[in-house]
Amino acid sequence: MLREVGKRDEELLVGFLQQHAGEMPRTMLRYAVERLDAPLRAGVALIVLALRVQRLRRREGRRVA
């Protein structure tokens, strides 16, 4: 469904991915970005990586040694 939204409104898809990509399963994300051009796909990949690193750092901060 996200891929179809991207066909009609690429900006809407990218905005949604910027907010939710960190929690999305990898397969869903891959299908959502498959029709985007390479530089935009790479940008989304960097956003996802940053969000996931940020989430891992928060988890490690909560651990009790």
PDB file of N, CA and C in Angstrom:
ATOM      1  N   MET A   1       0.819  -1.188   0.000  1.00  0.00           N
ATOM      2  CA  MET A   1       0.000   0.000   0.000  1.00  0.00           C
ATOM      3  C   MET A   1       0.875   1.268   0.000  1.00  0.00           C
ATOM      4  N   LEU A   2       1.948   1.264   0.768  1.00  0.00           N
ATOM      5  CA  LEU A   2       2.826   2.434   0.797  1.00  0.00           C
ATOM      6  C   LEU A   2       3.465   2.677  -0.566  1.00  0.00           C
ATOM      7  N   ARG A   3       3.794   1.618  -1.271  1.00  0.00           N
ATOM      8  CA  ARG A   3       4.384   1.763  -2.604  1.00  0.00           C
ATOM      9  C   ARG A   3       3.404   2.474  -3.530  1.00  0.00           C
ATOM     10  N   GLU A   4       2.131   2.138  -3.430  1.00  0.00           N
ATOM     11  CA  GLU A   4       1.110   2.767  -4.268  1.00  0.00           C
ATOM     12  C   GLU A   4       0.951   4.246  -3.922  1.00  0.00           C
ATOM     13  N   VAL A   5       1.041   4.575  -2.646  1.00  0.00           N
ATOM     14  CA  VAL A   5       0.988   5.986  -2.241  1.00  0.00           C
ATOM     15  C   VAL A   5       2.169   6.729  -2.849  1.00  0.00           C
ATOM     16  N   GLY A   6       3.328   6.103  -2.839  1.00  0.00           N
ATOM     17  CA  GLY A   6       4.518   6.726  -3.404  1.00  0.00           C
ATOM     18  C   GLY A   6       4.409   6.968  -4.895  1.00  0.00           C
ATOM     19  N   LYS A   7       3.653   6.142  -5.590  1.00  0.00           N
ATOM     20  CA  LYS A   7       3.447   6.354  -7.028  1.00  0.00           C
ATOM     21  C   LYS A   7       2.667   7.639  -7.275  1.00  0.00           C
ATOM     22  N   ARG A   8       1.746   7.950  -6.375  1.00  0.00           N
ATOM     23  CA  ARG A   8       0.890   9.123  -6.556  1.00  0.00           C
ATOM     24  C   ARG A   8       1.478  10.389  -5.927  1.00  0.00           C
ATOM     25  N   ASP A   9       2.104  10.239  -4.762  1.00  0.00           N
ATOM     26  CA  ASP A   9       2.619  11.410  -4.040  1.00  0.00           C
ATOM     27  C   ASP A   9       3.910  11.027  -3.316  1.00  0.00           C
ATOM     28  N   GLU A  10       5.015  11.232  -3.997  1.00  0.00           N
ATOM     29  CA  GLU A  10       6.321  10.839  -3.464  1.00  0.00           C
ATOM     30  C   GLU A  10       6.666  11.610  -2.194  1.00  0.00           C
ATOM     31  N   GLU A  11       6.332  12.886  -2.137  1.00  0.00           N
ATOM     32  CA  GLU A  11       6.622  13.706  -0.955  1.00  0.00           C
ATOM     33  C   GLU A  11       5.873  13.191   0.270  1.00  0.00           C
ATOM     34  N   LEU A  12       4.636  12.779   0.087  1.00  0.00           N
ATOM     35  CA  LEU A  12       3.843  12.236   1.186  1.00  0.00           C
ATOM     36  C   LEU A  12       4.477  10.953   1.726  1.00  0.00           C
ATOM     37  N   LEU A  13       4.918  10.094   0.816  1.00  0.00           N
ATOM     38  CA  LEU A  13       5.570   8.845   1.219  1.00  0.00           C
ATOM     39  C   LEU A  13       6.846   9.128   2.000  1.00  0.00           C
ATOM     40  N   VAL A  14       7.683  10.009   1.499  1.00  0.00           N
ATOM     41  CA  VAL A  14       8.945  10.316   2.173  1.00  0.00           C
ATOM     42  C   VAL A  14       8.687  10.920   3.549  1.00  0.00           C
ATOM     43  N   GLY A  15       7.704  11.787   3.659  1.00  0.00           N
ATOM     44  CA  GLY A  15       7.354  12.361   4.956  1.00  0.00           C
ATOM     45  C   GLY A  15       6.901  11.296   5.945  1.00  0.00           C
ATOM     46  N   PHE A  16       6.089  10.370   5.466  1.00  0.00           N
ATOM     47  CA  PHE A  16       5.631   9.271   6.324  1.00  0.00           C
ATOM     48  C   PHE A  16       6.810   8.411   6.765  1.00  0.00           C
ATOM     49  N   LEU A  17       7.700   8.106   5.826  1.00  0.00           N
ATOM     50  CA  LEU A  17       8.854   7.272   6.158  1.00  0.00           C
ATOM     51  C   LEU A  17       9.782   7.960   7.149  1.00  0.00           C
ATOM     52  N   GLN A  18       9.924   9.269   7.043  1.00  0.00           N
ATOM     53  CA  GLN A  18      10.767   9.989   7.992  1.00  0.00           C
ATOM     54  C   GLN A  18      10.236   9.855   9.416  1.00  0.00           C
ATOM     55  N   GLN A  19       8.938   9.749   9.563  1.00  0.00           N
ATOM     56  CA  GLN A  19       8.347   9.634  10.893  1.00  0.00           C
ATOM     57  C   GLN A  19       8.298   8.197  11.394  1.00  0.00           C
ATOM     58  N   HIS A  20       8.087   7.229  10.505  1.00  0.00           N
ATOM     59  CA  HIS A  20       7.762   5.873  10.944  1.00  0.00           C
ATOM     60  C   HIS A  20       8.749   4.789  10.518  1.00  0.00           C
ATOM     61  N   ALA A  21       9.752   5.132   9.752  1.00  0.00           N
ATOM     62  CA  ALA A  21      10.638   4.111   9.202  1.00  0.00           C
ATOM     63  C   ALA A  21      11.398   3.337  10.278  1.00  0.00           C
ATOM     64  N   GLY A  22      11.684   3.967  11.394  1.00  0.00           N
ATOM     65  CA  GLY A  22      12.433   3.290  12.454  1.00  0.00           C
ATOM     66  C   GLY A  22      11.684   2.129  13.081  1.00  0.00           C
ATOM     67  N   GLU A  23      10.359   2.141  13.024  1.00  0.00           N
ATOM     68  CA  GLU A  23       9.557   1.073  13.622  1.00  0.00           C
ATOM     69  C   GLU A  23       9.039   0.075  12.598  1.00  0.00           C
ATOM     70  N   MET A  24       9.253   0.359  11.325  1.00  0.00           N
ATOM     71  CA  MET A  24       8.699  -0.497  10.266  1.00  0.00           C
ATOM     72  C   MET A  24       9.551  -1.744  10.074  1.00  0.00           C
ATOM     73  N   PRO A  25       8.918  -2.874   9.764  1.00  0.00           N
ATOM     74  CA  PRO A  25       9.689  -4.064   9.397  1.00  0.00           C
ATOM     75  C   PRO A  25      10.478  -3.806   8.109  1.00  0.00           C
ATOM     76  N   ARG A  26      11.585  -4.477   7.979  1.00  0.00           N
ATOM     77  CA  ARG A  26      12.479  -4.258   6.847  1.00  0.00           C
ATOM     78  C   ARG A  26      11.802  -4.522   5.503  1.00  0.00           C
ATOM     79  N   THR A  27      11.001  -5.568   5.428  1.00  0.00           N
ATOM     80  CA  THR A  27      10.329  -5.905   4.175  1.00  0.00           C
ATOM     81  C   THR A  27       9.355  -4.801   3.766  1.00  0.00           C
ATOM     82  N   MET A  28       8.599  -4.288   4.700  1.00  0.00           N
ATOM     83  CA  MET A  28       7.652  -3.214   4.413  1.00  0.00           C
ATOM     84  C   MET A  28       8.392  -1.983   3.894  1.00  0.00           C
ATOM     85  N   LEU A  29       9.486  -1.655   4.524  1.00  0.00           N
ATOM     86  CA  LEU A  29      10.271  -0.502   4.118  1.00  0.00           C
ATOM     87  C   LEU A  29      10.851  -0.703   2.721  1.00  0.00           C
ATOM     88  N   ARG A  30      11.356  -1.893   2.458  1.00  0.00           N
ATOM     89  CA  ARG A  30      11.946  -2.187   1.153  1.00  0.00           C
ATOM     90  C   ARG A  30      10.919  -2.014   0.035  1.00  0.00           C
ATOM     91  N   TYR A  31       9.710  -2.532   0.231  1.00  0.00           N
ATOM     92  CA  TYR A  31       8.670  -2.369  -0.784  1.00  0.00           C
ATOM     93  C   TYR A  31       8.241  -0.915  -0.922  1.00  0.00           C
ATOM     94  N   ALA A  32       8.222  -0.179   0.174  1.00  0.00           N
ATOM     95  CA  ALA A  32       7.798   1.215   0.124  1.00  0.00           C
ATOM     96  C   ALA A  32       8.753   2.070  -0.687  1.00  0.00           C
ATOM     97  N   VAL A  33      10.049   1.770  -0.644  1.00  0.00           N
ATOM     98  CA  VAL A  33      11.034   2.631  -1.319  1.00  0.00           C
ATOM     99  C   VAL A  33      11.499   2.093  -2.664  1.00  0.00           C
ATOM    100  N   GLU A  34      10.991   0.949  -3.095  1.00  0.00           N
ATOM    101  CA  GLU A  34      11.545   0.335  -4.297  1.00  0.00           C
ATOM    102  C   GLU A  34      11.357   1.172  -5.556  1.00  0.00           C
ATOM    103  N   ARG A  35      10.377   2.028  -5.619  1.00  0.00           N
ATOM    104  CA  ARG A  35      10.153   2.840  -6.816  1.00  0.00           C
ATOM    105  C   ARG A  35      10.779   4.240  -6.713  1.00  0.00           C
ATOM    106  N   LEU A  36      11.359   4.570  -5.582  1.00  0.00           N
ATOM    107  CA  LEU A  36      12.029   5.861  -5.440  1.00  0.00           C
ATOM    108  C   LEU A  36      13.351   5.828  -6.192  1.00  0.00           C
ATOM    109  N   ASP A  37      13.820   6.992  -6.629  1.00  0.00           N
ATOM    110  CA  ASP A  37      15.118   7.020  -7.303  1.00  0.00           C
ATOM    111  C   ASP A  37      16.236   6.759  -6.290  1.00  0.00           C
ATOM    112  N   ALA A  38      17.388   6.362  -6.781  1.00  0.00           N
ATOM    113  CA  ALA A  38      18.489   5.885  -5.929  1.00  0.00           C
ATOM    114  C   ALA A  38      18.919   6.899  -4.855  1.00  0.00           C
ATOM    115  N   PRO A  39      19.122   8.174  -5.182  1.00  0.00           N
ATOM    116  CA  PRO A  39      19.541   9.120  -4.129  1.00  0.00           C
ATOM    117  C   PRO A  39      18.502   9.266  -3.014  1.00  0.00           C
ATOM    118  N   LEU A  40      17.234   9.251  -3.380  1.00  0.00           N
ATOM    119  CA  LEU A  40      16.182   9.366  -2.384  1.00  0.00           C
ATOM    120  C   LEU A  40      16.111   8.108  -1.524  1.00  0.00           C
ATOM    121  N   ARG A  41      16.272   6.945  -2.150  1.00  0.00           N
ATOM    122  CA  ARG A  41      16.315   5.677  -1.402  1.00  0.00           C
ATOM    123  C   ARG A  41      17.465   5.681  -0.410  1.00  0.00           C
ATOM    124  N   ALA A  42      18.610   6.174  -0.844  1.00  0.00           N
ATOM    125  CA  ALA A  42      19.774   6.237   0.044  1.00  0.00           C
ATOM    126  C   ALA A  42      19.516   7.182   1.211  1.00  0.00           C
ATOM    127  N   GLY A  43      18.841   8.281   0.955  1.00  0.00           N
ATOM    128  CA  GLY A  43      18.503   9.215   2.023  1.00  0.00           C
ATOM    129  C   GLY A  43      17.573   8.589   3.049  1.00  0.00           C
ATOM    130  N   VAL A  44      16.593   7.846   2.573  1.00  0.00           N
ATOM    131  CA  VAL A  44      15.673   7.155   3.481  1.00  0.00           C
ATOM    132  C   VAL A  44      16.435   6.112   4.290  1.00  0.00           C
ATOM    133  N   ALA A  45      17.375   5.416   3.652  1.00  0.00           N
ATOM    134  CA  ALA A  45      18.174   4.410   4.360  1.00  0.00           C
ATOM    135  C   ALA A  45      18.980   5.047   5.489  1.00  0.00           C
ATOM    136  N   LEU A  46      19.516   6.231   5.258  1.00  0.00           N
ATOM    137  CA  LEU A  46      20.272   6.934   6.305  1.00  0.00           C
ATOM    138  C   LEU A  46      19.363   7.341   7.458  1.00  0.00           C
ATOM    139  N   ILE A  47      18.158   7.773   7.138  1.00  0.00           N
ATOM    140  CA  ILE A  47      17.199   8.137   8.179  1.00  0.00           C
ATOM    141  C   ILE A  47      16.872   6.923   9.030  1.00  0.00           C
ATOM    142  N   VAL A  48      16.618   5.803   8.376  1.00  0.00           N
ATOM    143  CA  VAL A  48      16.288   4.561   9.090  1.00  0.00           C
ATOM    144  C   VAL A  48      17.433   4.155   9.995  1.00  0.00           C
ATOM    145  N   LEU A  49      18.646   4.199   9.474  1.00  0.00           N
ATOM    146  CA  LEU A  49      19.812   3.828  10.260  1.00  0.00           C
ATOM    147  C   LEU A  49      19.949   4.733  11.484  1.00  0.00           C
ATOM    148  N   ALA A  50      19.789   6.031  11.296  1.00  0.00           N
ATOM    149  CA  ALA A  50      19.901   6.965  12.411  1.00  0.00           C
ATOM    150  C   ALA A  50      18.830   6.705  13.467  1.00  0.00           C
ATOM    151  N   LEU A  51      17.599   6.439  13.031  1.00  0.00           N
ATOM    152  CA  LEU A  51      16.519   6.171  13.977  1.00  0.00           C
ATOM    153  C   LEU A  51      16.768   4.891  14.772  1.00  0.00           C
ATOM    154  N   ARG A  52      17.264   3.873  14.099  1.00  0.00           N
ATOM    155  CA  ARG A  52      17.505   2.601  14.785  1.00  0.00           C
ATOM    156  C   ARG A  52      18.674   2.701  15.753  1.00  0.00           C
ATOM    157  N   VAL A  53      19.716   3.437  15.390  1.00  0.00           N
ATOM    158  CA  VAL A  53      20.847   3.648  16.302  1.00  0.00           C
ATOM    159  C   VAL A  53      20.385   4.434  17.516  1.00  0.00           C
ATOM    160  N   GLN A  54      19.574   5.440  17.278  1.00  0.00           N
ATOM    161  CA  GLN A  54      19.047   6.254  18.379  1.00  0.00           C
ATOM    162  C   GLN A  54      18.214   5.393  19.330  1.00  0.00           C
ATOM    163  N   ARG A  55      17.391   4.519  18.788  1.00  0.00           N
ATOM    164  CA  ARG A  55      16.560   3.645  19.619  1.00  0.00           C
ATOM    165  C   ARG A  55      17.420   2.677  20.424  1.00  0.00           C
ATOM    166  N   LEU A  56      18.469   2.127  19.814  1.00  0.00           N
ATOM    167  CA  LEU A  56      19.363   1.216  20.535  1.00  0.00           C
ATOM    168  C   LEU A  56      20.096   1.933  21.662  1.00  0.00           C
ATOM    169  N   ARG A  57      20.520   3.155  21.413  1.00  0.00           N
ATOM    170  CA  ARG A  57      21.216   3.917  22.460  1.00  0.00           C
ATOM    171  C   ARG A  57      20.291   4.195  23.633  1.00  0.00           C
ATOM    172  N   ARG A  58      19.031   4.489  23.342  1.00  0.00           N
ATOM    173  CA  ARG A  58      18.086   4.700  24.431  1.00  0.00           C
ATOM    174  C   ARG A  58      17.880   3.435  25.248  1.00  0.00           C
ATOM    175  N   ARG A  59      17.813   2.299  24.587  1.00  0.00           N
ATOM    176  CA  ARG A  59      17.648   1.030  25.288  1.00  0.00           C
ATOM    177  C   ARG A  59      18.853   0.746  26.183  1.00  0.00           C
ATOM    178  N   GLU A  60      20.048   0.987  25.686  1.00  0.00           N
ATOM    179  CA  GLU A  60      21.249   0.726  26.472  1.00  0.00           C
ATOM    180  C   GLU A  60      21.324   1.644  27.674  1.00  0.00           C
ATOM    181  N   GLY A  61      20.807   2.839  27.548  1.00  0.00           N
ATOM    182  CA  GLY A  61      20.796   3.786  28.661  1.00  0.00           C
ATOM    183  C   GLY A  61      19.885   3.317  29.805  1.00  0.00           C
ATOM    184  N   ARG A  62      18.899   2.524  29.490  1.00  0.00           N
ATOM    185  CA  ARG A  62      17.958   2.042  30.505  1.00  0.00           C
ATOM    186  C   ARG A  62      18.439   0.799  31.213  1.00  0.00           C
ATOM    187  N   ARG A  63      19.423   0.123  30.662  1.00  0.00           N
ATOM    188  CA  ARG A  63      19.916  -1.117  31.280  1.00  0.00           C
ATOM    189  C   ARG A  63      20.557  -0.847  32.618  1.00  0.00           C
ATOM    190  N   VAL A  64      20.330  -1.769  33.517  1.00  0.00           N
ATOM    191  CA  VAL A  64      20.962  -1.688  34.840  1.00  0.00           C
ATOM    192  C   VAL A  64      22.091  -2.696  34.870  1.00  0.00           C
ATOM    193  N   ALA A  65      23.278  -2.237  35.188  1.00  0.00           N
ATOM    194  CA  ALA A  65      24.449  -3.122  35.172  1.00  0.00           C
ATOM    195  C   ALA A  65      24.517  -3.991  36.410  1.00  0.00           C
TER     196      ALA A  65
END
